[in-house]
Amino acid sequence: MTARPHPFTQAVVSAMRSLYPEELADRSWDNVGLLLENFAPADPADPAADSPPVVLLTNDVTPTVVDEAIANEATVIVSYRKEPPLSQL
């Protein structure tokens, strides 16, 4: 079986692009859009195939946030950074 994009991730990305068009973003200081995609379980018998989707919202994706997403089996992490990264100061 081949990996396929997770349908819930596709729905979230579509909704985000509709609400917040990427062409309006200031790309001079941050990455915009889908940065890392998860895939649906390849095996329909996999218990994760029936799991309800989980969205984790955060300002910044840090190692702690990633650990939390893994622990909570998050389907999607939606992050927003309102300040430029410190490397820009």
PDB file of N, CA and C in Angstrom:
ATOM      1  N   MET A   1       0.844  -1.190   0.000  1.00  0.00           N
ATOM      2  CA  MET A   1       0.000   0.000   0.000  1.00  0.00           C
ATOM      3  C   MET A   1       0.881   1.243   0.000  1.00  0.00           C
ATOM      4  N   THR A   2       0.400   2.275  -0.649  1.00  0.00           N
ATOM      5  CA  THR A   2       1.152   3.525  -0.660  1.00  0.00           C
ATOM      6  C   THR A   2       0.538   4.505   0.326  1.00  0.00           C
ATOM      7  N   ALA A   3       1.375   5.397   0.818  1.00  0.00           N
ATOM      8  CA  ALA A   3       0.892   6.413   1.756  1.00  0.00           C
ATOM      9  C   ALA A   3       0.013   7.402   1.002  1.00  0.00           C
ATOM     10  N   ARG A   4      -1.013   7.874   1.677  1.00  0.00           N
ATOM     11  CA  ARG A   4      -1.883   8.884   1.071  1.00  0.00           C
ATOM     12  C   ARG A   4      -2.068  10.021   2.069  1.00  0.00           C
ATOM     13  N   PRO A   5      -2.237  11.237   1.559  1.00  0.00           N
ATOM     14  CA  PRO A   5      -2.421  12.366   2.471  1.00  0.00           C
ATOM     15  C   PRO A   5      -3.623  12.119   3.384  1.00  0.00           C
ATOM     16  N   HIS A   6      -3.500  12.572   4.618  1.00  0.00           N
ATOM     17  CA  HIS A   6      -4.597  12.414   5.571  1.00  0.00           C
ATOM     18  C   HIS A   6      -5.729  13.360   5.167  1.00  0.00           C
ATOM     19  N   PRO A   7      -6.964  12.862   4.988  1.00  0.00           N
ATOM     20  CA  PRO A   7      -8.062  13.715   4.539  1.00  0.00           C
ATOM     21  C   PRO A   7      -8.347  14.879   5.490  1.00  0.00           C
ATOM     22  N   PHE A   8      -8.189  14.651   6.795  1.00  0.00           N
ATOM     23  CA  PHE A   8      -8.449  15.745   7.734  1.00  0.00           C
ATOM     24  C   PHE A   8      -7.422  16.857   7.560  1.00  0.00           C
ATOM     25  N   THR A   9      -6.165  16.494   7.346  1.00  0.00           N
ATOM     26  CA  THR A   9      -5.130  17.502   7.104  1.00  0.00           C
ATOM     27  C   THR A   9      -5.472  18.303   5.857  1.00  0.00           C
ATOM     28  N   GLN A  10      -5.900  17.629   4.808  1.00  0.00           N
ATOM     29  CA  GLN A  10      -6.283  18.324   3.585  1.00  0.00           C
ATOM     30  C   GLN A  10      -7.435  19.295   3.845  1.00  0.00           C
ATOM     31  N   ALA A  11      -8.403  18.899   4.665  1.00  0.00           N
ATOM     32  CA  ALA A  11      -9.536  19.769   4.986  1.00  0.00           C
ATOM     33  C   ALA A  11      -9.081  20.995   5.774  1.00  0.00           C
ATOM     34  N   VAL A  12      -8.180  20.798   6.735  1.00  0.00           N
ATOM     35  CA  VAL A  12      -7.670  21.924   7.526  1.00  0.00           C
ATOM     36  C   VAL A  12      -6.895  22.893   6.633  1.00  0.00           C
ATOM     37  N   VAL A  13      -6.022  22.370   5.780  1.00  0.00           N
ATOM     38  CA  VAL A  13      -5.233  23.223   4.883  1.00  0.00           C
ATOM     39  C   VAL A  13      -6.155  24.005   3.957  1.00  0.00           C
ATOM     40  N   SER A  14      -7.154  23.357   3.414  1.00  0.00           N
ATOM     41  CA  SER A  14      -8.100  24.029   2.522  1.00  0.00           C
ATOM     42  C   SER A  14      -8.838  25.154   3.247  1.00  0.00           C
ATOM     43  N   ALA A  15      -9.293  24.877   4.457  1.00  0.00           N
ATOM     44  CA  ALA A  15      -9.997  25.900   5.237  1.00  0.00           C
ATOM     45  C   ALA A  15      -9.076  27.066   5.585  1.00  0.00           C
ATOM     46  N   MET A  16      -7.838  26.765   5.987  1.00  0.00           N
ATOM     47  CA  MET A  16      -6.891  27.832   6.334  1.00  0.00           C
ATOM     48  C   MET A  16      -6.585  28.703   5.117  1.00  0.00           C
ATOM     49  N   ARG A  17      -6.403  28.071   3.958  1.00  0.00           N
ATOM     50  CA  ARG A  17      -6.113  28.839   2.739  1.00  0.00           C
ATOM     51  C   ARG A  17      -7.304  29.688   2.328  1.00  0.00           C
ATOM     52  N   SER A  18      -8.509  29.204   2.584  1.00  0.00           N
ATOM     53  CA  SER A  18      -9.713  29.971   2.267  1.00  0.00           C
ATOM     54  C   SER A  18      -9.846  31.182   3.194  1.00  0.00           C
ATOM     55  N   LEU A  19      -9.614  30.957   4.482  1.00  0.00           N
ATOM     56  CA  LEU A  19      -9.722  32.043   5.463  1.00  0.00           C
ATOM     57  C   LEU A  19      -8.546  33.010   5.403  1.00  0.00           C
ATOM     58  N   TYR A  20      -7.356  32.470   5.175  1.00  0.00           N
ATOM     59  CA  TYR A  20      -6.121  33.256   5.221  1.00  0.00           C
ATOM     60  C   TYR A  20      -5.274  32.945   3.989  1.00  0.00           C
ATOM     61  N   PRO A  21      -5.581  33.581   2.846  1.00  0.00           N
ATOM     62  CA  PRO A  21      -4.839  33.276   1.610  1.00  0.00           C
ATOM     63  C   PRO A  21      -3.335  33.478   1.781  1.00  0.00           C
ATOM     64  N   GLU A  22      -2.568  32.494   1.349  1.00  0.00           N
ATOM     65  CA  GLU A  22      -1.115  32.537   1.514  1.00  0.00           C
ATOM     66  C   GLU A  22      -0.484  33.713   0.784  1.00  0.00           C
ATOM     67  N   GLU A  23      -1.092  34.155  -0.310  1.00  0.00           N
ATOM     68  CA  GLU A  23      -0.502  35.272  -1.055  1.00  0.00           C
ATOM     69  C   GLU A  23      -0.563  36.594  -0.281  1.00  0.00           C
ATOM     70  N   LEU A  24      -1.353  36.652   0.788  1.00  0.00           N
ATOM     71  CA  LEU A  24      -1.420  37.863   1.614  1.00  0.00           C
ATOM     72  C   LEU A  24      -0.418  37.841   2.768  1.00  0.00           C
ATOM     73  N   ALA A  25       0.255  36.735   2.959  1.00  0.00           N
ATOM     74  CA  ALA A  25       1.191  36.585   4.084  1.00  0.00           C
ATOM     75  C   ALA A  25       2.499  37.313   3.815  1.00  0.00           C
ATOM     76  N   ASP A  26       3.111  37.798   4.887  1.00  0.00           N
ATOM     77  CA  ASP A  26       4.444  38.400   4.811  1.00  0.00           C
ATOM     78  C   ASP A  26       5.459  37.269   4.922  1.00  0.00           C
ATOM     79  N   ARG A  27       6.003  36.862   3.804  1.00  0.00           N
ATOM     80  CA  ARG A  27       6.940  35.736   3.772  1.00  0.00           C
ATOM     81  C   ARG A  27       8.379  36.168   4.045  1.00  0.00           C
ATOM     82  N   SER A  28       8.579  37.441   4.361  1.00  0.00           N
ATOM     83  CA  SER A  28       9.947  37.924   4.559  1.00  0.00           C
ATOM     84  C   SER A  28      10.573  37.412   5.854  1.00  0.00           C
ATOM     85  N   TRP A  29       9.772  36.934   6.782  1.00  0.00           N
ATOM     86  CA  TRP A  29      10.334  36.528   8.067  1.00  0.00           C
ATOM     87  C   TRP A  29       9.890  35.162   8.562  1.00  0.00           C
ATOM     88  N   ASP A  30       8.979  34.491   7.849  1.00  0.00           N
ATOM     89  CA  ASP A  30       8.517  33.216   8.383  1.00  0.00           C
ATOM     90  C   ASP A  30       8.041  32.307   7.264  1.00  0.00           C
ATOM     91  N   ASN A  31       8.032  31.021   7.543  1.00  0.00           N
ATOM     92  CA  ASN A  31       7.472  30.045   6.612  1.00  0.00           C
ATOM     93  C   ASN A  31       5.958  30.112   6.673  1.00  0.00           C
ATOM     94  N   VAL A  32       5.325  29.884   5.544  1.00  0.00           N
ATOM     95  CA  VAL A  32       3.870  29.980   5.448  1.00  0.00           C
ATOM     96  C   VAL A  32       3.345  28.721   4.773  1.00  0.00           C
ATOM     97  N   GLY A  33       2.202  28.244   5.235  1.00  0.00           N
ATOM     98  CA  GLY A  33       1.559  27.111   4.582  1.00  0.00           C
ATOM     99  C   GLY A  33       1.878  25.790   5.242  1.00  0.00           C
ATOM    100  N   LEU A  34       1.528  24.727   4.560  1.00  0.00           N
ATOM    101  CA  LEU A  34       1.767  23.381   5.069  1.00  0.00           C
ATOM    102  C   LEU A  34       3.256  23.087   5.002  1.00  0.00           C
ATOM    103  N   LEU A  35       3.870  22.874   6.159  1.00  0.00           N
ATOM    104  CA  LEU A  35       5.314  22.665   6.211  1.00  0.00           C
ATOM    105  C   LEU A  35       5.696  21.195   6.295  1.00  0.00           C
ATOM    106  N   LEU A  36       4.859  20.394   6.904  1.00  0.00           N
ATOM    107  CA  LEU A  36       5.143  18.968   7.051  1.00  0.00           C
ATOM    108  C   LEU A  36       3.808  18.245   7.038  1.00  0.00           C
ATOM    109  N   GLU A  37       3.674  17.271   6.163  1.00  0.00           N
ATOM    110  CA  GLU A  37       2.391  16.598   6.018  1.00  0.00           C
ATOM    111  C   GLU A  37       2.409  15.228   6.670  1.00  0.00           C
ATOM    112  N   ASN A  38       1.306  14.911   7.340  1.00  0.00           N
ATOM    113  CA  ASN A  38       1.142  13.562   7.867  1.00  0.00           C
ATOM    114  C   ASN A  38       0.350  12.746   6.853  1.00  0.00           C
ATOM    115  N   PHE A  39       0.368  11.457   7.018  1.00  0.00           N
ATOM    116  CA  PHE A  39      -0.326  10.587   6.080  1.00  0.00           C
ATOM    117  C   PHE A  39      -1.309   9.708   6.816  1.00  0.00           C
ATOM    118  N   ALA A  40      -2.372   9.352   6.118  1.00  0.00           N
ATOM    119  CA  ALA A  40      -3.379   8.465   6.684  1.00  0.00           C
ATOM    120  C   ALA A  40      -2.765   7.084   6.876  1.00  0.00           C
ATOM    121  N   PRO A  41      -3.244   6.343   7.873  1.00  0.00           N
ATOM    122  CA  PRO A  41      -2.734   4.983   8.052  1.00  0.00           C
ATOM    123  C   PRO A  41      -2.922   4.176   6.767  1.00  0.00           C
ATOM    124  N   ALA A  42      -1.886   3.474   6.359  1.00  0.00           N
ATOM    125  CA  ALA A  42      -1.943   2.683   5.126  1.00  0.00           C
ATOM    126  C   ALA A  42      -2.840   1.463   5.287  1.00  0.00           C
ATOM    127  N   ASP A  43      -2.953   0.977   6.506  1.00  0.00           N
ATOM    128  CA  ASP A  43      -3.735  -0.226   6.776  1.00  0.00           C
ATOM    129  C   ASP A  43      -5.066   0.168   7.409  1.00  0.00           C
ATOM    130  N   PRO A  44      -6.195  -0.061   6.727  1.00  0.00           N
ATOM    131  CA  PRO A  44      -7.498   0.289   7.307  1.00  0.00           C
ATOM    132  C   PRO A  44      -7.766  -0.409   8.639  1.00  0.00           C
ATOM    133  N   ALA A  45      -7.083  -1.521   8.919  1.00  0.00           N
ATOM    134  CA  ALA A  45      -7.256  -2.224  10.192  1.00  0.00           C
ATOM    135  C   ALA A  45      -6.493  -1.551  11.327  1.00  0.00           C
ATOM    136  N   ASP A  46      -5.624  -0.592  10.994  1.00  0.00           N
ATOM    137  CA  ASP A  46      -4.859   0.153  12.003  1.00  0.00           C
ATOM    138  C   ASP A  46      -5.846   0.930  12.879  1.00  0.00           C
ATOM    139  N   PRO A  47      -5.762   0.795  14.212  1.00  0.00           N
ATOM    140  CA  PRO A  47      -6.679   1.525  15.100  1.00  0.00           C
ATOM    141  C   PRO A  47      -6.658   3.033  14.868  1.00  0.00           C
ATOM    142  N   ALA A  48      -5.542   3.573  14.411  1.00  0.00           N
ATOM    143  CA  ALA A  48      -5.457   5.014  14.155  1.00  0.00           C
ATOM    144  C   ALA A  48      -6.365   5.441  13.011  1.00  0.00           C
ATOM    145  N   ALA A  49      -6.760   4.495  12.156  1.00  0.00           N
ATOM    146  CA  ALA A  49      -7.620   4.820  11.019  1.00  0.00           C
ATOM    147  C   ALA A  49      -8.991   5.308  11.479  1.00  0.00           C
ATOM    148  N   ASP A  50      -9.440   4.868  12.655  1.00  0.00           N
ATOM    149  CA  ASP A  50     -10.751   5.263  13.167  1.00  0.00           C
ATOM    150  C   ASP A  50     -10.679   6.330  14.251  1.00  0.00           C
ATOM    151  N   SER A  51      -9.494   6.807  14.560  1.00  0.00           N
ATOM    152  CA  SER A  51      -9.342   7.798  15.625  1.00  0.00           C
ATOM    153  C   SER A  51      -9.910   9.142  15.187  1.00  0.00           C
ATOM    154  N   PRO A  52     -10.591   9.840  16.101  1.00  0.00           N
ATOM    155  CA  PRO A  52     -11.074  11.177  15.741  1.00  0.00           C
ATOM    156  C   PRO A  52      -9.890  12.120  15.556  1.00  0.00           C
ATOM    157  N   PRO A  53     -10.019  13.093  14.659  1.00  0.00           N
ATOM    158  CA  PRO A  53      -8.913  14.029  14.447  1.00  0.00           C
ATOM    159  C   PRO A  53      -8.688  14.913  15.669  1.00  0.00           C
ATOM    160  N   VAL A  54      -7.426  15.252  15.904  1.00  0.00           N
ATOM    161  CA  VAL A  54      -7.033  16.119  17.016  1.00  0.00           C
ATOM    162  C   VAL A  54      -6.206  17.260  16.444  1.00  0.00           C
ATOM    163  N   VAL A  55      -6.579  18.496  16.788  1.00  0.00           N
ATOM    164  CA  VAL A  55      -5.831  19.676  16.344  1.00  0.00           C
ATOM    165  C   VAL A  55      -5.164  20.301  17.558  1.00  0.00           C
ATOM    166  N   LEU A  56      -3.865  20.543  17.468  1.00  0.00           N
ATOM    167  CA  LEU A  56      -3.124  21.221  18.525  1.00  0.00           C
ATOM    168  C   LEU A  56      -2.815  22.630  18.025  1.00  0.00           C
ATOM    169  N   LEU A  57      -3.238  23.641  18.765  1.00  0.00           N
ATOM    170  CA  LEU A  57      -2.982  25.037  18.416  1.00  0.00           C
ATOM    171  C   LEU A  57      -1.855  25.579  19.276  1.00  0.00           C
ATOM    172  N   THR A  58      -0.931  26.327  18.663  1.00  0.00           N
ATOM    173  CA  THR A  58       0.219  26.860  19.392  1.00  0.00           C
ATOM    174  C   THR A  58       0.750  28.104  18.698  1.00  0.00           C
ATOM    175  N   ASN A  59       1.498  28.916  19.427  1.00  0.00           N
ATOM    176  CA  ASN A  59       2.172  30.054  18.794  1.00  0.00           C
ATOM    177  C   ASN A  59       3.383  29.595  18.010  1.00  0.00           C
ATOM    178  N   ASP A  60       4.226  28.789  18.618  1.00  0.00           N
ATOM    179  CA  ASP A  60       5.458  28.323  17.986  1.00  0.00           C
ATOM    180  C   ASP A  60       5.557  26.814  18.117  1.00  0.00           C
ATOM    181  N   VAL A  61       6.102  26.177  17.107  1.00  0.00           N
ATOM    182  CA  VAL A  61       6.342  24.737  17.175  1.00  0.00           C
ATOM    183  C   VAL A  61       7.726  24.523  17.780  1.00  0.00           C
ATOM    184  N   THR A  62       7.723  24.090  19.020  1.00  0.00           N
ATOM    185  CA  THR A  62       8.958  23.818  19.757  1.00  0.00           C
ATOM    186  C   THR A  62       9.039  22.311  20.010  1.00  0.00           C
ATOM    187  N   PRO A  63      10.183  21.818  20.462  1.00  0.00           N
ATOM    188  CA  PRO A  63      10.258  20.391  20.803  1.00  0.00           C
ATOM    189  C   PRO A  63       9.199  19.975  21.831  1.00  0.00           C
ATOM    190  N   THR A  64       8.894  20.843  22.778  1.00  0.00           N
ATOM    191  CA  THR A  64       7.875  20.533  23.782  1.00  0.00           C
ATOM    192  C   THR A  64       6.502  20.397  23.136  1.00  0.00           C
ATOM    193  N   VAL A  65       6.198  21.275  22.191  1.00  0.00           N
ATOM    194  CA  VAL A  65       4.920  21.210  21.481  1.00  0.00           C
ATOM    195  C   VAL A  65       4.836  19.922  20.658  1.00  0.00           C
ATOM    196  N   VAL A  66       5.920  19.563  20.000  1.00  0.00           N
ATOM    197  CA  VAL A  66       5.939  18.321  19.217  1.00  0.00           C
ATOM    198  C   VAL A  66       5.724  17.121  20.134  1.00  0.00           C
ATOM    199  N   ASP A  67       6.370  17.115  21.296  1.00  0.00           N
ATOM    200  CA  ASP A  67       6.168  16.028  22.261  1.00  0.00           C
ATOM    201  C   ASP A  67       4.704  15.945  22.684  1.00  0.00           C
ATOM    202  N   GLU A  68       4.083  17.107  22.927  1.00  0.00           N
ATOM    203  CA  GLU A  68       2.671  17.136  23.314  1.00  0.00           C
ATOM    204  C   GLU A  68       1.789  16.607  22.179  1.00  0.00           C
ATOM    205  N   ALA A  69       2.104  17.005  20.949  1.00  0.00           N
ATOM    206  CA  ALA A  69       1.327  16.534  19.798  1.00  0.00           C
ATOM    207  C   ALA A  69       1.415  15.014  19.665  1.00  0.00           C
ATOM    208  N   ILE A  70       2.605  14.482  19.847  1.00  0.00           N
ATOM    209  CA  ILE A  70       2.788  13.028  19.763  1.00  0.00           C
ATOM    210  C   ILE A  70       2.029  12.335  20.890  1.00  0.00           C
ATOM    211  N   ALA A  71       2.157  12.861  22.109  1.00  0.00           N
ATOM    212  CA  ALA A  71       1.491  12.249  23.262  1.00  0.00           C
ATOM    213  C   ALA A  71      -0.026  12.253  23.103  1.00  0.00           C
ATOM    214  N   ASN A  72      -0.563  13.302  22.468  1.00  0.00           N
ATOM    215  CA  ASN A  72      -2.011  13.419  22.285  1.00  0.00           C
ATOM    216  C   ASN A  72      -2.482  12.916  20.926  1.00  0.00           C
ATOM    217  N   GLU A  73      -1.559  12.316  20.174  1.00  0.00           N
ATOM    218  CA  GLU A  73      -1.864  11.779  18.847  1.00  0.00           C
ATOM    219  C   GLU A  73      -2.545  12.818  17.961  1.00  0.00           C
ATOM    220  N   ALA A  74      -1.991  14.028  17.968  1.00  0.00           N
ATOM    221  CA  ALA A  74      -2.546  15.113  17.156  1.00  0.00           C
ATOM    222  C   ALA A  74      -2.437  14.790  15.676  1.00  0.00           C
ATOM    223  N   THR A  75      -3.501  15.086  14.964  1.00  0.00           N
ATOM    224  CA  THR A  75      -3.522  14.904  13.520  1.00  0.00           C
ATOM    225  C   THR A  75      -2.847  16.088  12.842  1.00  0.00           C
ATOM    226  N   VAL A  76      -3.049  17.281  13.416  1.00  0.00           N
ATOM    227  CA  VAL A  76      -2.562  18.529  12.827  1.00  0.00           C
ATOM    228  C   VAL A  76      -2.058  19.444  13.937  1.00  0.00           C
ATOM    229  N   ILE A  77      -0.961  20.152  13.663  1.00  0.00           N
ATOM    230  CA  ILE A  77      -0.508  21.250  14.520  1.00  0.00           C
ATOM    231  C   ILE A  77      -0.710  22.527  13.715  1.00  0.00           C
ATOM    232  N   VAL A  78      -1.481  23.457  14.261  1.00  0.00           N
ATOM    233  CA  VAL A  78      -1.658  24.766  13.636  1.00  0.00           C
ATOM    234  C   VAL A  78      -0.909  25.756  14.508  1.00  0.00           C
ATOM    235  N   SER A  79       0.063  26.443  13.910  1.00  0.00           N
ATOM    236  CA  SER A  79       0.852  27.390  14.697  1.00  0.00           C
ATOM    237  C   SER A  79       0.777  28.774  14.080  1.00  0.00           C
ATOM    238  N   TYR A  80       0.978  29.751  14.936  1.00  0.00           N
ATOM    239  CA  TYR A  80       0.972  31.146  14.523  1.00  0.00           C
ATOM    240  C   TYR A  80       2.034  31.870  15.320  1.00  0.00           C
ATOM    241  N   ARG A  81       2.883  32.543  14.629  1.00  0.00           N
ATOM    242  CA  ARG A  81       3.902  33.338  15.316  1.00  0.00           C
ATOM    243  C   ARG A  81       3.590  34.794  15.027  1.00  0.00           C
ATOM    244  N   LYS A  82       3.328  35.561  16.064  1.00  0.00           N
ATOM    245  CA  LYS A  82       2.981  36.968  15.859  1.00  0.00           C
ATOM    246  C   LYS A  82       4.198  37.881  15.862  1.00  0.00           C
ATOM    247  N   GLU A  83       5.333  37.360  16.230  1.00  0.00           N
ATOM    248  CA  GLU A  83       6.574  38.144  16.242  1.00  0.00           C
ATOM    249  C   GLU A  83       7.579  37.499  15.302  1.00  0.00           C
ATOM    250  N   PRO A  84       8.418  38.301  14.636  1.00  0.00           N
ATOM    251  CA  PRO A  84       9.480  37.695  13.824  1.00  0.00           C
ATOM    252  C   PRO A  84      10.419  36.871  14.700  1.00  0.00           C
ATOM    253  N   PRO A  85      11.048  35.854  14.139  1.00  0.00           N
ATOM    254  CA  PRO A  85      11.988  35.060  14.935  1.00  0.00           C
ATOM    255  C   PRO A  85      13.159  35.907  15.416  1.00  0.00           C
ATOM    256  N   LEU A  86      13.736  35.516  16.534  1.00  0.00           N
ATOM    257  CA  LEU A  86      14.820  36.300  17.122  1.00  0.00           C
ATOM    258  C   LEU A  86      16.000  36.480  16.183  1.00  0.00           C
ATOM    259  N   SER A  87      16.188  35.593  15.237  1.00  0.00           N
ATOM    260  CA  SER A  87      17.314  35.729  14.310  1.00  0.00           C
ATOM    261  C   SER A  87      17.184  36.963  13.423  1.00  0.00           C
ATOM    262  N   GLN A  88      16.015  37.571  13.413  1.00  0.00           N
ATOM    263  CA  GLN A  88      15.803  38.763  12.595  1.00  0.00           C
ATOM    264  C   GLN A  88      16.104  40.057  13.346  1.00  0.00           C
ATOM    265  N   LEU A  89      16.354  39.987  14.643  1.00  0.00           N
ATOM    266  CA  LEU A  89      16.600  41.209  15.426  1.00  0.00           C
ATOM    267  C   LEU A  89      17.980  41.758  15.193  1.00  0.00           C
TER     268      LEU A  89
END
